[in-house]
Amino acid sequence: MKLYSKATVAMLTLAAWPAFTQPTFAQPAAPAPTALETLGAMRPTGSTADWPEIPQTGAKAEQVKQNLAKVKLPPGFKISLYALVPDARHIAVGPQGVATFVGTRKSKVWVVTDRARGGVGDEVKEFAPTLPKKIPNGGCFSKDGFLYIAEQNRVLEYPAAEFFYESPDVVAGVVVAEGELIPKSEESYNHTARVCRVGPDNKLYIQLGQPYNVPTKEKNDLYRKLGIGGIIRMDRDGKNREVYAVGLRNPVGMDFHPKDKSLWTNDNQVDGMGDEQPPGELNRITSSGQDFGFPWYGGGKIRTNEYKNDTPPANAVFPEVEQAAHAADLGLIFYTGNMFPKKYQGAIFSTQHGSWNRTTPVGARVMVTFLKDDGHVAGKSEPFAEGWNDNGYYLGRPVDVAQLADGSLLVSDDLVGALYRIWYDGK
C-alpha cells in the first residue's frame, strides 16, 4: 500500500472536491438602460403610467374667458381661450400645423392639438411622458420637422415629434448631454429658462442666462468664455459649439429677422436699482461675437454698482429699444403672416411677464415693435394686448408669443396655465 504525506493528502482532497472548496461569486448585473437609451434604440419602455388629458371645460375655463373680456386690443382684433395648459411657458408650433408643443419650468412638456381646426385646442396631454425632463422650458422646430427642447442643462432632439406624439414613448436623441450645456458647478435655481431657435444657417441657437443679479468678477471670464449670459450656437447634432453673443444678463426670447437674418433678443436687466432703472432691452445682433455690455452696464447705458469703476468694453452694443424697467420681457417673434393688417406685417410681437420687484407693477402684456425698411426700429415698443395687470393684481402673466399657420397668434400664460389666441376679423 502506497503511503502519502499529510500535505499530499490535503492537495488530493482539494482537487477531488473543487465544488465544495472553491467559492463562486455572482457577477454584477449590467445597469438597466435609461429611458433615454431605450427610446433612442427605438424600443418601448414598457411603462403603463396613467396618461390623462387636461380637461378643457368647467369652472376654470369659464373664469379665464371672463378675465379675457378685460383685455384691450386694437380695433378689429379678438382674443379667446385656446387651451388650458398647466404652467405654460414657451411655445413651438409644429411646421405641419398638426400640434403645438408647450414647455414648462417644471418637468413636463405639453402637446396641444386642434383636431377640428376650429381655433381651439381640443386636446391637451403630456408629451413623451416616459422620458424624465428637468425644466424643459424652451422648444423650437427646424423646417424639416425636428423638435429641439432646451432643458436646464441638456438639449434633446425629437425627430418627427409632430407625428409620433400620440404615443407615450417618443424617440429622442441627445444633442447636448445632461450636465454639458453649462458646468454642473454653475447650475442654479435662477435664470434657468432656456429658449432655442434654429437659424437661417440651420444651426441651433440657445440662450443662456447667468444665475446672478450681477456676477462676481471671479465668474465673469468663465461665463463669457462659455456663453453663460449670452447666446451660443452649434450644429444640430451638437458639434461645433461656439459663443455667438456675450454681455447679456438673462436673455429670454429671440427670433430672426425674415429679411436681413439679424437675430433679435430680449434681455432682462439688473434688479434692485430702483423702480425706473435700468431699462429692459430689445437687442439686434447682426454678426457673431458682438458684446452687449453686461455686467458693466445693467441695462441701456446705466452702469452697475459692482462694475462702475471698471472700464467697459469699448465695442459694447446698446439696445435697439429700451423697455420698461423690470417688466420681464420673455417672448419674441417676427410676424410673417397676412391675417393682420399690413401695418403689423413684419413687426415684432413680444411679451412682458410683469414685474415682481417694483413698487407699482408694470408689464403683463403683449407689445408690438414696428421696424423701418432699413431694419432698425421705427420707435418705442407699444402695448398691443393689455389688461392682465389689474391695478397691480395679475389676472395673467404672458410668457411667449407664437404664430399659427392661419396668421393668428398664440400667447402663453404660466400664472393661469393657458394659451390664448389673438386673431383679426376687421369688425
Protein backbone atom coordinates (compact mmCIF):
# COMPACT_ATOMS: atom_id res chain seq x y z
CA MET A 1 0.00 0.00 0.00
CA LYS A 2 1.31 3.36 -1.05
CA LEU A 3 1.61 5.95 1.67
CA TYR A 4 1.10 9.73 1.14
CA SER A 5 2.32 12.54 3.21
CA LYS A 6 -0.20 14.75 5.03
CA ALA A 7 0.48 17.60 2.55
CA THR A 8 -0.19 15.32 -0.43
CA VAL A 9 -3.41 14.04 1.08
CA ALA A 10 -4.60 17.62 1.59
CA MET A 11 -3.82 18.50 -2.01
CA LEU A 12 -5.62 15.44 -3.38
CA THR A 13 -8.62 16.16 -1.22
CA LEU A 14 -8.89 19.72 -2.51
CA ALA A 15 -8.54 18.54 -6.10
CA ALA A 16 -11.25 15.90 -5.65
CA TRP A 17 -13.86 18.31 -4.20
CA PRO A 18 -13.41 21.62 -6.03
CA ALA A 19 -17.13 22.43 -5.98
CA PHE A 20 -17.15 22.50 -2.21
CA THR A 21 -13.91 24.30 -1.61
CA GLN A 22 -13.73 26.94 -4.37
CA PRO A 23 -16.45 29.56 -3.80
CA THR A 24 -18.05 31.31 -6.79
CA PHE A 25 -19.27 34.90 -6.81
CA ALA A 26 -22.19 36.32 -8.81
CA GLN A 27 -21.13 38.87 -11.43
CA PRO A 28 -22.78 42.30 -11.09
CA ALA A 29 -25.68 42.74 -13.47
CA ALA A 30 -25.32 45.28 -16.24
CA PRO A 31 -27.14 48.52 -15.37
CA ALA A 32 -30.61 48.80 -16.81
CA PRO A 33 -30.80 51.20 -19.75
CA THR A 34 -32.25 54.60 -19.04
CA ALA A 35 -35.49 55.71 -20.63
CA LEU A 36 -33.49 57.92 -22.99
CA GLU A 37 -31.28 55.00 -24.07
CA THR A 38 -34.30 52.77 -24.56
CA LEU A 39 -36.16 55.32 -26.66
CA GLY A 40 -33.03 56.14 -28.65
CA ALA A 41 -32.79 52.45 -29.59
CA MET A 42 -36.37 52.60 -30.90
CA ARG A 43 -37.62 50.27 -28.18
CA PRO A 44 -40.64 50.72 -25.88
CA THR A 45 -40.10 51.50 -22.22
CA GLY A 46 -42.97 49.23 -21.20
CA SER A 47 -44.39 51.96 -18.99
CA THR A 48 -48.04 51.61 -18.05
CA ALA A 49 -48.21 55.02 -16.38
CA ASP A 50 -51.51 56.88 -16.46
CA TRP A 51 -51.61 59.40 -19.30
CA PRO A 52 -54.58 61.67 -18.71
CA GLU A 53 -55.67 64.62 -20.83
CA ILE A 54 -56.14 68.07 -19.30
CA PRO A 55 -59.87 68.92 -19.06
CA GLN A 56 -60.81 71.89 -21.24
CA THR A 57 -64.21 72.68 -19.79
CA GLY A 58 -65.53 73.60 -16.37
CA ALA A 59 -65.35 76.47 -13.89
CA LYS A 60 -61.73 77.39 -14.56
CA ALA A 61 -62.25 77.66 -18.31
CA GLU A 62 -65.28 79.88 -17.77
CA GLN A 63 -63.41 82.15 -15.36
CA VAL A 64 -60.49 82.53 -17.77
CA LYS A 65 -62.91 83.57 -20.50
CA GLN A 66 -64.38 86.19 -18.19
CA ASN A 67 -60.92 87.55 -17.41
CA LEU A 68 -60.11 87.81 -21.12
CA ALA A 69 -63.03 90.22 -21.52
CA LYS A 70 -60.82 92.77 -19.69
CA VAL A 71 -58.00 92.53 -22.25
CA LYS A 72 -57.82 95.52 -24.57
CA LEU A 73 -56.72 95.14 -28.19
CA PRO A 74 -56.62 97.44 -31.25
CA PRO A 75 -59.90 97.65 -33.21
CA GLY A 76 -60.71 94.53 -35.21
CA PHE A 77 -58.67 92.16 -33.01
CA LYS A 78 -60.17 89.47 -30.79
CA ILE A 79 -58.79 87.23 -28.05
CA SER A 80 -60.10 83.90 -26.78
CA LEU A 81 -59.05 80.91 -24.70
CA TYR A 82 -57.23 78.45 -26.94
CA ALA A 83 -56.43 75.79 -24.33
CA LEU A 84 -55.82 75.23 -20.64
CA VAL A 85 -52.16 74.18 -20.39
CA PRO A 86 -50.63 73.90 -16.89
CA ASP A 87 -47.56 76.12 -16.30
CA ALA A 88 -47.48 77.11 -19.98
CA ARG A 89 -44.19 78.73 -20.99
CA HIS A 90 -42.51 78.80 -24.40
CA ILE A 91 -44.33 77.61 -27.50
CA ALA A 92 -43.18 75.61 -30.52
CA VAL A 93 -45.78 75.34 -33.30
CA GLY A 94 -45.28 72.28 -35.49
CA PRO A 95 -44.48 73.16 -39.13
CA GLN A 96 -47.26 70.87 -40.37
CA GLY A 97 -49.82 72.66 -38.21
CA VAL A 98 -50.77 69.39 -36.54
CA ALA A 99 -49.75 70.09 -32.96
CA THR A 100 -48.29 72.77 -30.71
CA PHE A 101 -45.71 71.95 -28.03
CA VAL A 102 -45.54 73.96 -24.82
CA GLY A 103 -42.67 73.87 -22.34
CA THR A 104 -42.72 74.49 -18.60
CA ARG A 105 -40.29 75.41 -15.85
CA LYS A 106 -41.13 72.16 -14.09
CA SER A 107 -40.82 68.65 -15.55
CA LYS A 108 -43.41 68.42 -18.32
CA VAL A 109 -43.88 69.41 -21.93
CA TRP A 110 -47.47 69.60 -23.17
CA VAL A 111 -48.80 68.98 -26.65
CA VAL A 112 -51.95 70.77 -27.83
CA THR A 113 -53.98 69.58 -30.81
CA ASP A 114 -56.76 71.44 -32.60
CA ARG A 115 -58.25 68.41 -34.31
CA ALA A 116 -61.34 70.21 -35.60
CA ARG A 117 -59.29 73.15 -36.96
CA GLY A 118 -61.67 75.44 -35.12
CA GLY A 119 -59.22 77.80 -33.46
CA VAL A 120 -59.45 75.92 -30.16
CA GLY A 121 -57.08 73.34 -28.70
CA ASP A 122 -59.45 70.47 -28.01
CA GLU A 123 -56.85 68.01 -26.70
CA VAL A 124 -54.01 68.71 -24.25
CA LYS A 125 -51.78 65.93 -22.92
CA GLU A 126 -48.22 65.40 -21.80
CA PHE A 127 -45.57 64.95 -24.46
CA ALA A 128 -43.19 61.98 -24.11
CA PRO A 129 -44.29 61.20 -20.52
CA THR A 130 -41.97 58.19 -20.20
CA LEU A 131 -38.88 60.40 -20.54
CA PRO A 132 -37.88 62.36 -17.38
CA LYS A 133 -37.19 66.06 -18.00
CA LYS A 134 -35.78 68.96 -15.97
CA ILE A 135 -37.03 72.49 -16.68
CA PRO A 136 -37.94 71.81 -20.34
CA ASN A 137 -38.81 75.46 -20.89
CA GLY A 138 -37.94 76.14 -24.49
CA GLY A 139 -38.80 74.20 -27.64
CA CYS A 140 -38.12 75.06 -31.26
CA PHE A 141 -38.66 73.36 -34.62
CA SER A 142 -36.43 73.02 -37.64
CA LYS A 143 -38.04 73.49 -41.03
CA ASP A 144 -37.78 69.75 -41.67
CA GLY A 145 -39.80 68.89 -38.58
CA PHE A 146 -37.27 68.12 -35.84
CA LEU A 147 -38.27 69.38 -32.39
CA TYR A 148 -35.49 70.59 -30.06
CA ILE A 149 -36.11 71.14 -26.37
CA ALA A 150 -33.58 73.04 -24.28
CA GLU A 151 -33.73 71.98 -20.65
CA GLN A 152 -31.80 73.45 -17.74
CA ASN A 153 -28.62 71.55 -18.61
CA ARG A 154 -29.43 69.33 -21.57
CA VAL A 155 -30.73 69.56 -25.14
CA LEU A 156 -32.70 66.77 -26.78
CA GLU A 157 -33.88 66.25 -30.35
CA TYR A 158 -37.22 64.63 -31.15
CA PRO A 159 -37.42 63.58 -34.81
CA ALA A 160 -40.93 63.79 -36.27
CA ALA A 161 -42.40 64.71 -32.88
CA GLU A 162 -45.43 66.21 -34.59
CA PHE A 163 -46.38 62.79 -35.93
CA PHE A 164 -45.38 60.46 -33.08
CA TYR A 165 -46.63 62.42 -30.06
CA GLU A 166 -49.71 60.19 -29.86
CA SER A 167 -47.58 57.56 -28.12
CA PRO A 168 -46.18 57.97 -24.59
CA ASP A 169 -42.88 56.61 -25.98
CA VAL A 170 -41.28 59.07 -28.41
CA VAL A 171 -37.83 58.59 -29.91
CA ALA A 172 -35.31 61.16 -28.63
CA GLY A 173 -31.68 61.83 -29.37
CA VAL A 174 -29.05 63.69 -27.39
CA VAL A 175 -27.76 66.96 -28.82
CA VAL A 176 -26.11 68.15 -25.59
CA ALA A 177 -25.83 65.56 -22.81
CA GLU A 178 -27.02 66.21 -19.28
CA GLY A 179 -24.51 68.41 -17.46
CA GLU A 180 -22.75 69.64 -20.59
CA LEU A 181 -24.78 72.69 -21.59
CA ILE A 182 -23.22 74.55 -18.65
CA PRO A 183 -20.82 73.24 -15.98
CA LYS A 184 -22.67 71.43 -13.19
CA SER A 185 -21.00 73.79 -10.74
CA GLU A 186 -22.87 76.70 -12.32
CA GLU A 187 -26.35 75.19 -12.11
CA SER A 188 -28.79 77.36 -10.19
CA TYR A 189 -32.47 77.80 -9.46
CA ASN A 190 -32.20 81.28 -11.05
CA HIS A 191 -32.32 82.22 -14.74
CA THR A 192 -32.57 78.62 -15.95
CA ALA A 193 -35.31 79.05 -18.57
CA ARG A 194 -33.59 78.28 -21.89
CA VAL A 195 -35.01 79.24 -25.28
CA CYS A 196 -33.82 77.90 -28.64
CA ARG A 197 -34.18 78.72 -32.33
CA VAL A 198 -32.96 77.01 -35.49
CA GLY A 199 -31.38 79.78 -37.54
CA PRO A 200 -31.27 80.53 -41.27
CA ASP A 201 -27.86 78.83 -41.26
CA ASN A 202 -29.54 75.62 -39.98
CA LYS A 203 -27.64 75.89 -36.70
CA LEU A 204 -29.17 75.62 -33.24
CA TYR A 205 -29.11 78.81 -31.16
CA ILE A 206 -29.63 78.67 -27.37
CA GLN A 207 -29.93 81.49 -24.83
CA LEU A 208 -28.06 81.00 -21.56
CA GLY A 209 -28.90 83.27 -18.64
CA GLN A 210 -26.24 83.67 -15.94
CA PRO A 211 -27.51 82.87 -12.43
CA TYR A 212 -26.69 86.08 -10.54
CA ASN A 213 -28.21 89.52 -10.34
CA VAL A 214 -24.67 90.71 -11.13
CA PRO A 215 -21.89 88.06 -11.19
CA THR A 216 -18.74 88.41 -9.18
CA LYS A 217 -15.62 89.36 -11.09
CA GLU A 218 -14.20 85.90 -10.42
CA LYS A 219 -17.02 84.40 -12.52
CA ASN A 220 -17.00 86.89 -15.35
CA ASP A 221 -14.23 85.45 -17.52
CA LEU A 222 -15.60 81.91 -17.25
CA TYR A 223 -19.11 82.99 -18.16
CA ARG A 224 -18.06 84.97 -21.19
CA LYS A 225 -15.85 82.10 -22.40
CA LEU A 226 -18.75 79.63 -22.19
CA GLY A 227 -21.52 81.96 -23.34
CA ILE A 228 -23.29 81.98 -19.96
CA GLY A 229 -25.02 85.33 -20.05
CA GLY A 230 -25.16 85.18 -23.83
CA ILE A 231 -26.23 83.11 -26.82
CA ILE A 232 -24.43 80.03 -28.11
CA ARG A 233 -24.87 78.22 -31.39
CA MET A 234 -23.93 74.77 -32.66
CA ASP A 235 -24.66 72.29 -35.40
CA ARG A 236 -27.94 70.50 -34.91
CA ASP A 237 -26.07 67.40 -33.76
CA GLY A 238 -24.33 69.41 -31.03
CA LYS A 239 -20.96 69.72 -32.77
CA ASN A 240 -19.01 72.92 -33.47
CA ARG A 241 -20.36 74.79 -30.47
CA GLU A 242 -19.40 78.45 -30.29
CA VAL A 243 -20.33 81.59 -28.38
CA TYR A 244 -22.43 83.79 -30.67
CA ALA A 245 -23.08 86.82 -28.42
CA VAL A 246 -22.00 87.92 -24.93
CA GLY A 247 -22.85 90.68 -22.49
CA LEU A 248 -26.45 89.64 -21.89
CA ARG A 249 -27.72 89.17 -18.34
CA ASN A 250 -30.74 86.90 -18.75
CA PRO A 251 -31.76 86.67 -22.40
CA VAL A 252 -35.15 85.03 -22.89
CA GLY A 253 -36.96 85.14 -26.23
CA MET A 254 -35.35 85.57 -29.65
CA ASP A 255 -36.16 85.40 -33.34
CA PHE A 256 -34.50 86.02 -36.70
CA HIS A 257 -35.50 88.90 -38.95
CA PRO A 258 -37.05 87.21 -42.00
CA LYS A 259 -35.29 89.52 -44.45
CA ASP A 260 -31.85 90.56 -43.19
CA LYS A 261 -31.45 87.45 -40.93
CA SER A 262 -30.31 89.51 -37.92
CA LEU A 263 -31.08 87.90 -34.56
CA TRP A 264 -33.21 89.90 -32.12
CA THR A 265 -33.28 89.07 -28.43
CA ASN A 266 -34.87 90.30 -25.22
CA ASP A 267 -32.67 90.77 -22.18
CA ASN A 268 -33.86 91.07 -18.58
CA GLN A 269 -31.76 93.56 -16.68
CA VAL A 270 -30.45 94.17 -13.16
CA ASP A 271 -32.80 94.21 -10.16
CA GLY A 272 -32.54 96.38 -7.07
CA MET A 273 -31.56 99.66 -8.75
CA GLY A 274 -34.91 101.39 -8.34
CA ASP A 275 -38.36 101.32 -9.92
CA GLU A 276 -37.43 103.15 -13.09
CA GLN A 277 -33.97 101.81 -13.87
CA PRO A 278 -32.32 100.09 -15.54
CA PRO A 279 -34.43 99.52 -18.65
CA GLY A 280 -35.13 96.15 -20.16
CA GLU A 281 -33.62 95.58 -23.57
CA LEU A 282 -34.56 94.54 -27.07
CA ASN A 283 -31.28 93.88 -28.87
CA ARG A 284 -30.34 93.40 -32.52
CA ILE A 285 -27.44 91.04 -33.25
CA THR A 286 -26.00 91.49 -36.73
CA SER A 287 -22.89 89.30 -36.52
CA SER A 288 -21.17 86.73 -34.36
CA GLY A 289 -19.08 87.99 -31.45
CA GLN A 290 -20.98 91.14 -30.53
CA ASP A 291 -20.85 92.27 -26.90
CA PHE A 292 -23.93 93.86 -25.27
CA GLY A 293 -22.16 95.25 -22.25
CA PHE A 294 -23.32 93.32 -19.20
CA PRO A 295 -22.13 93.24 -16.38
CA TRP A 296 -20.54 96.68 -16.83
CA TYR A 297 -23.92 98.00 -17.94
CA GLY A 298 -27.03 96.94 -16.04
CA GLY A 299 -29.44 97.88 -18.82
CA GLY A 300 -29.14 100.52 -21.54
CA LYS A 301 -26.27 102.80 -20.56
CA ILE A 302 -26.89 102.51 -16.81
CA ARG A 303 -23.71 101.32 -15.08
CA THR A 304 -23.93 98.61 -12.42
CA ASN A 305 -22.73 99.44 -8.92
CA GLU A 306 -20.46 96.40 -8.88
CA TYR A 307 -18.57 97.37 -12.07
CA LYS A 308 -18.92 101.16 -12.06
CA ASN A 309 -15.18 101.66 -11.53
CA ASP A 310 -14.16 99.16 -14.23
CA THR A 311 -13.64 100.04 -17.87
CA PRO A 312 -16.46 98.62 -20.01
CA PRO A 313 -15.84 97.02 -23.40
CA ALA A 314 -15.14 99.69 -25.99
CA ASN A 315 -17.27 97.86 -28.56
CA ALA A 316 -20.39 97.43 -26.37
CA VAL A 317 -23.61 97.41 -28.41
CA PHE A 318 -26.57 99.24 -26.87
CA PRO A 319 -30.20 98.14 -27.30
CA GLU A 320 -32.41 98.95 -30.25
CA VAL A 321 -35.26 99.54 -27.80
CA GLU A 322 -35.23 100.27 -24.09
CA GLN A 323 -38.23 98.62 -22.44
CA ALA A 324 -39.98 99.44 -19.16
CA ALA A 325 -37.75 98.67 -16.19
CA HIS A 326 -38.39 95.26 -14.60
CA ALA A 327 -41.28 94.38 -16.94
CA ALA A 328 -39.65 90.98 -17.65
CA ASP A 329 -39.61 90.67 -21.45
CA LEU A 330 -39.75 86.95 -22.29
CA GLY A 331 -41.21 86.02 -25.69
CA LEU A 332 -40.43 87.41 -29.15
CA ILE A 333 -41.37 86.70 -32.78
CA PHE A 334 -41.42 88.46 -36.11
CA TYR A 335 -44.90 88.40 -37.58
CA THR A 336 -44.79 86.77 -41.02
CA GLY A 337 -48.49 86.12 -41.58
CA ASN A 338 -51.04 88.01 -43.63
CA MET A 339 -54.14 87.83 -41.38
CA PHE A 340 -53.21 91.05 -39.58
CA PRO A 341 -53.37 94.44 -41.32
CA LYS A 342 -50.33 95.46 -43.35
CA LYS A 343 -49.19 97.75 -40.53
CA TYR A 344 -48.36 94.70 -38.42
CA GLN A 345 -46.77 92.55 -41.12
CA GLY A 346 -43.04 92.28 -40.40
CA ALA A 347 -43.42 93.76 -36.91
CA ILE A 348 -42.09 92.22 -33.69
CA PHE A 349 -44.57 90.89 -31.15
CA SER A 350 -43.17 90.33 -27.67
CA THR A 351 -44.41 89.63 -24.16
CA GLN A 352 -43.83 91.24 -20.80
CA HIS A 353 -44.32 88.76 -17.98
CA GLY A 354 -44.82 91.50 -15.38
CA SER A 355 -42.59 92.90 -12.65
CA TRP A 356 -42.04 91.24 -9.30
CA ASN A 357 -39.82 93.84 -7.59
CA ARG A 358 -41.38 97.18 -8.40
CA THR A 359 -43.47 99.46 -6.18
CA THR A 360 -46.09 99.80 -8.92
CA PRO A 361 -46.20 96.64 -11.04
CA VAL A 362 -45.71 97.01 -14.79
CA GLY A 363 -45.98 94.58 -17.68
CA ALA A 364 -48.25 91.56 -18.05
CA ARG A 365 -48.99 92.47 -21.67
CA VAL A 366 -48.15 91.82 -25.30
CA MET A 367 -46.08 94.51 -27.04
CA VAL A 368 -45.57 95.36 -30.71
CA THR A 369 -42.47 96.97 -32.20
CA PHE A 370 -42.51 98.38 -35.72
CA LEU A 371 -39.43 98.42 -37.94
CA LYS A 372 -38.24 100.68 -40.73
CA ASP A 373 -37.15 99.49 -44.15
CA ASP A 374 -33.50 99.70 -43.07
CA GLY A 375 -34.10 97.01 -40.42
CA HIS A 376 -33.97 99.29 -37.39
CA VAL A 377 -36.89 100.13 -35.11
CA ALA A 378 -39.33 102.88 -36.00
CA GLY A 379 -39.81 103.94 -32.38
CA LYS A 380 -40.60 102.60 -28.94
CA SER A 381 -42.46 99.33 -28.40
CA GLU A 382 -46.20 99.85 -27.92
CA PRO A 383 -48.78 97.89 -25.92
CA PHE A 384 -50.79 95.60 -28.21
CA ALA A 385 -52.77 93.47 -25.74
CA GLU A 386 -53.08 94.56 -22.12
CA GLY A 387 -55.45 94.15 -19.20
CA TRP A 388 -53.90 91.27 -17.28
CA ASN A 389 -52.38 93.84 -14.89
CA ASP A 390 -55.48 94.92 -12.98
CA ASN A 391 -54.11 97.81 -10.89
CA GLY A 392 -51.20 95.71 -9.68
CA TYR A 393 -53.20 92.48 -9.36
CA TYR A 394 -52.23 89.99 -12.04
CA LEU A 395 -55.07 88.24 -13.86
CA GLY A 396 -52.43 86.58 -16.03
CA ARG A 397 -48.73 86.75 -16.88
CA PRO A 398 -47.93 86.37 -20.59
CA VAL A 399 -44.75 84.42 -21.32
CA ASP A 400 -44.42 83.68 -25.02
CA VAL A 401 -46.00 84.51 -28.34
CA ALA A 402 -46.10 82.27 -31.43
CA GLN A 403 -47.77 82.33 -34.82
CA LEU A 404 -50.23 79.73 -36.08
CA ALA A 405 -50.49 78.73 -39.73
CA ASP A 406 -53.53 80.93 -40.31
CA GLY A 407 -51.67 84.03 -39.14
CA SER A 408 -53.28 84.27 -35.71
CA LEU A 409 -51.13 84.48 -32.58
CA LEU A 410 -50.85 82.25 -29.55
CA VAL A 411 -49.91 83.74 -26.18
CA SER A 412 -48.90 81.54 -23.24
CA ASP A 413 -49.63 82.38 -19.58
CA ASP A 414 -47.88 80.44 -16.82
CA LEU A 415 -49.84 82.04 -13.98
CA VAL A 416 -53.23 80.95 -15.30
CA GLY A 417 -51.88 77.90 -17.13
CA ALA A 418 -53.34 78.69 -20.54
CA LEU A 419 -52.82 79.54 -24.19
CA TYR A 420 -54.77 82.43 -25.70
CA ARG A 421 -55.46 83.01 -29.39
CA ILE A 422 -55.47 86.51 -30.91
CA TRP A 423 -56.93 86.98 -34.39
CA TYR A 424 -58.17 89.76 -36.65
CA ASP A 425 -61.59 89.89 -38.27
CA GLY A 426 -61.80 93.61 -39.06
CA LYS A 427 -65.10 94.04 -37.24
